[in-house]
Amino acid sequence: MLNDCDKSKIENLIKDRKHAHAFFDNASPVYRAFLQLEEKAFEDGALSRGNKELIAIGISIITNCESCLEWHIKKALDAGITQNQIIEAIGVGIEMGGGPATVSSRFALKVLEHYSQ
């Protein structure tokens, strides 16, 4: 299901994010504050980092944020979340977003396939 165009799209998202991060991390105190907020928001607490990543995946489906999906699926996998758990989080996103969310869920599946190869 993952074709060369999909793989290229995902790799370009990663490249663009890294490029922007390098720029904004040096140029923007607001961006650095956002990174601190992100770090705090995803720390283990009453919810584990992995569970928080699953929440973020569901929200990313609703908002149709492809870059968010790539980031949070990778972080979920890094946190030990399984492919089946990610698929369930995608399902919750679909239910919450209705029909339009199925479009985002297809991209989320491609990202998951990208990292599962």
C-alpha atoms as a PDB file:
ATOM      1  CA  MET A   1       0.000   0.000   0.000  1.00  0.00           C
ATOM      2  CA  LEU A   2       2.936   2.358   0.668  1.00  0.00           C
ATOM      3  CA  ASN A   3       4.272   3.519  -2.693  1.00  0.00           C
ATOM      4  CA  ASP A   4       7.332   5.584  -3.593  1.00  0.00           C
ATOM      5  CA  CYS A   5       5.290   8.796  -3.689  1.00  0.00           C
ATOM      6  CA  ASP A   6       3.971   8.172  -0.164  1.00  0.00           C
ATOM      7  CA  LYS A   7       7.444   7.329   1.122  1.00  0.00           C
ATOM      8  CA  SER A   8       8.846  10.475  -0.487  1.00  0.00           C
ATOM      9  CA  LYS A   9       6.068  12.585   1.079  1.00  0.00           C
ATOM     10  CA  ILE A  10       6.827  11.239   4.544  1.00  0.00           C
ATOM     11  CA  GLU A  11      10.575  11.689   4.111  1.00  0.00           C
ATOM     12  CA  ASN A  12      10.015  15.267   2.902  1.00  0.00           C
ATOM     13  CA  LEU A  13       7.866  16.005   5.972  1.00  0.00           C
ATOM     14  CA  ILE A  14      10.720  14.790   8.168  1.00  0.00           C
ATOM     15  CA  LYS A  15      13.312  16.796   6.228  1.00  0.00           C
ATOM     16  CA  ASP A  16      11.177  19.960   6.292  1.00  0.00           C
ATOM     17  CA  ARG A  17      10.535  19.605  10.035  1.00  0.00           C
ATOM     18  CA  LYS A  18      14.248  19.192  10.784  1.00  0.00           C
ATOM     19  CA  HIS A  19      15.125  22.187   8.618  1.00  0.00           C
ATOM     20  CA  ALA A  20      12.498  24.405  10.249  1.00  0.00           C
ATOM     21  CA  HIS A  21      13.486  23.175  13.709  1.00  0.00           C
ATOM     22  CA  ALA A  22      17.135  24.105  13.131  1.00  0.00           C
ATOM     23  CA  PHE A  23      16.113  27.573  12.007  1.00  0.00           C
ATOM     24  CA  PHE A  24      13.480  28.358  14.627  1.00  0.00           C
ATOM     25  CA  ASP A  25      15.420  26.834  17.518  1.00  0.00           C
ATOM     26  CA  ASN A  26      18.109  29.460  16.876  1.00  0.00           C
ATOM     27  CA  ALA A  27      15.834  32.332  15.838  1.00  0.00           C
ATOM     28  CA  SER A  28      12.715  32.180  17.967  1.00  0.00           C
ATOM     29  CA  PRO A  29      12.349  32.247  21.735  1.00  0.00           C
ATOM     30  CA  VAL A  30       8.638  31.491  21.212  1.00  0.00           C
ATOM     31  CA  TYR A  31       9.542  28.280  19.368  1.00  0.00           C
ATOM     32  CA  ARG A  32      11.952  27.276  22.149  1.00  0.00           C
ATOM     33  CA  ALA A  33       9.182  27.894  24.701  1.00  0.00           C
ATOM     34  CA  PHE A  34       6.862  25.700  22.618  1.00  0.00           C
ATOM     35  CA  LEU A  35       9.474  22.908  22.724  1.00  0.00           C
ATOM     36  CA  GLN A  36       9.562  23.189  26.518  1.00  0.00           C
ATOM     37  CA  LEU A  37       5.753  23.027  26.610  1.00  0.00           C
ATOM     38  CA  GLU A  38       5.818  19.934  24.392  1.00  0.00           C
ATOM     39  CA  GLU A  39       8.422  18.290  26.622  1.00  0.00           C
ATOM     40  CA  LYS A  40       6.330  18.917  29.736  1.00  0.00           C
ATOM     41  CA  ALA A  41       3.058  17.869  28.084  1.00  0.00           C
ATOM     42  CA  PHE A  42       4.445  14.486  27.028  1.00  0.00           C
ATOM     43  CA  GLU A  43       6.284  13.602  30.251  1.00  0.00           C
ATOM     44  CA  ASP A  44       5.150  10.448  32.012  1.00  0.00           C
ATOM     45  CA  GLY A  45       2.609  11.292  34.676  1.00  0.00           C
ATOM     46  CA  ALA A  46      -0.816   9.857  35.397  1.00  0.00           C
ATOM     47  CA  LEU A  47      -0.692   8.975  31.689  1.00  0.00           C
ATOM     48  CA  SER A  48       2.403   7.467  30.140  1.00  0.00           C
ATOM     49  CA  ARG A  49       4.156   9.183  27.256  1.00  0.00           C
ATOM     50  CA  GLY A  50       2.892   6.394  25.011  1.00  0.00           C
ATOM     51  CA  ASN A  51      -0.726   7.011  26.012  1.00  0.00           C
ATOM     52  CA  LYS A  52      -0.263  10.718  25.413  1.00  0.00           C
ATOM     53  CA  GLU A  53       1.110   9.958  21.949  1.00  0.00           C
ATOM     54  CA  LEU A  54      -2.017   7.889  21.234  1.00  0.00           C
ATOM     55  CA  ILE A  55      -4.161  10.873  22.219  1.00  0.00           C
ATOM     56  CA  ALA A  56      -2.096  13.093  19.937  1.00  0.00           C
ATOM     57  CA  ILE A  57      -2.573  10.630  17.060  1.00  0.00           C
ATOM     58  CA  GLY A  58      -6.354  10.797  17.495  1.00  0.00           C
ATOM     59  CA  ILE A  59      -6.271  14.596  17.572  1.00  0.00           C
ATOM     60  CA  SER A  60      -3.995  14.651  14.519  1.00  0.00           C
ATOM     61  CA  ILE A  61      -6.564  12.577  12.620  1.00  0.00           C
ATOM     62  CA  ILE A  62      -9.279  15.114  13.472  1.00  0.00           C
ATOM     63  CA  THR A  63      -7.152  18.120  12.490  1.00  0.00           C
ATOM     64  CA  ASN A  64      -5.780  16.400   9.369  1.00  0.00           C
ATOM     65  CA  CYS A  65      -2.230  17.280  10.383  1.00  0.00           C
ATOM     66  CA  GLU A  66       0.009  14.989   8.352  1.00  0.00           C
ATOM     67  CA  SER A  67       3.202  16.298   9.911  1.00  0.00           C
ATOM     68  CA  CYS A  68       1.680  15.726  13.366  1.00  0.00           C
ATOM     69  CA  LEU A  69       0.744  12.163  12.396  1.00  0.00           C
ATOM     70  CA  GLU A  70       4.267  11.405  11.232  1.00  0.00           C
ATOM     71  CA  TRP A  71       5.773  12.839  14.434  1.00  0.00           C
ATOM     72  CA  HIS A  72       3.371  11.282  16.944  1.00  0.00           C
ATOM     73  CA  ILE A  73       3.262   7.842  15.308  1.00  0.00           C
ATOM     74  CA  LYS A  74       7.073   7.733  15.366  1.00  0.00           C
ATOM     75  CA  LYS A  75       7.141   8.917  18.989  1.00  0.00           C
ATOM     76  CA  ALA A  76       4.454   6.377  19.950  1.00  0.00           C
ATOM     77  CA  LEU A  77       6.474   3.560  18.414  1.00  0.00           C
ATOM     78  CA  ASP A  78       9.605   4.863  20.188  1.00  0.00           C
ATOM     79  CA  ALA A  79       7.625   4.786  23.475  1.00  0.00           C
ATOM     80  CA  GLY A  80       6.779   1.107  22.986  1.00  0.00           C
ATOM     81  CA  ILE A  81       3.256   1.528  21.657  1.00  0.00           C
ATOM     82  CA  THR A  82       2.260  -1.325  19.359  1.00  0.00           C
ATOM     83  CA  GLN A  83       0.935  -1.112  15.830  1.00  0.00           C
ATOM     84  CA  ASN A  84      -2.425  -2.456  17.060  1.00  0.00           C
ATOM     85  CA  GLN A  85      -2.648   0.253  19.731  1.00  0.00           C
ATOM     86  CA  ILE A  86      -1.945   2.910  17.098  1.00  0.00           C
ATOM     87  CA  ILE A  87      -4.619   1.451  14.828  1.00  0.00           C
ATOM     88  CA  GLU A  88      -7.116   1.638  17.724  1.00  0.00           C
ATOM     89  CA  ALA A  89      -6.177   5.293  18.326  1.00  0.00           C
ATOM     90  CA  ILE A  90      -6.720   5.952  14.607  1.00  0.00           C
ATOM     91  CA  GLY A  91     -10.133   4.297  14.982  1.00  0.00           C
ATOM     92  CA  VAL A  92     -11.060   6.645  17.821  1.00  0.00           C
ATOM     93  CA  GLY A  93      -9.975   9.573  15.628  1.00  0.00           C
ATOM     94  CA  ILE A  94     -12.175   8.293  12.805  1.00  0.00           C
ATOM     95  CA  GLU A  95     -15.179   8.011  15.107  1.00  0.00           C
ATOM     96  CA  MET A  96     -14.611  11.475  16.532  1.00  0.00           C
ATOM     97  CA  GLY A  97     -14.068  13.061  13.141  1.00  0.00           C
ATOM     98  CA  GLY A  98     -16.632  11.170  11.114  1.00  0.00           C
ATOM     99  CA  GLY A  99     -16.181  10.704   7.396  1.00  0.00           C
ATOM    100  CA  PRO A 100     -13.517  13.385   6.766  1.00  0.00           C
ATOM    101  CA  ALA A 101     -11.282  11.740   9.361  1.00  0.00           C
ATOM    102  CA  THR A 102     -11.027   8.617   7.204  1.00  0.00           C
ATOM    103  CA  VAL A 103      -8.845  10.663   4.819  1.00  0.00           C
ATOM    104  CA  SER A 104      -6.364  11.452   7.611  1.00  0.00           C
ATOM    105  CA  SER A 105      -6.483   7.854   8.803  1.00  0.00           C
ATOM    106  CA  ARG A 106      -5.281   6.660   5.395  1.00  0.00           C
ATOM    107  CA  PHE A 107      -2.209   8.893   5.703  1.00  0.00           C
ATOM    108  CA  ALA A 108      -1.634   7.724   9.287  1.00  0.00           C
ATOM    109  CA  LEU A 109      -1.633   4.141   8.006  1.00  0.00           C
ATOM    110  CA  LYS A 110       1.023   5.015   5.418  1.00  0.00           C
ATOM    111  CA  VAL A 111       3.235   6.570   8.116  1.00  0.00           C
ATOM    112  CA  LEU A 112       2.811   3.484  10.293  1.00  0.00           C
ATOM    113  CA  GLU A 113       3.751   1.264   7.334  1.00  0.00           C
ATOM    114  CA  HIS A 114       6.766   3.510   6.659  1.00  0.00           C
ATOM    115  CA  TYR A 115       8.131   2.915  10.159  1.00  0.00           C
ATOM    116  CA  SER A 116       7.139  -0.751  10.304  1.00  0.00           C
ATOM    117  CA  GLN A 117       9.201  -1.850   7.305  1.00  0.00           C
END
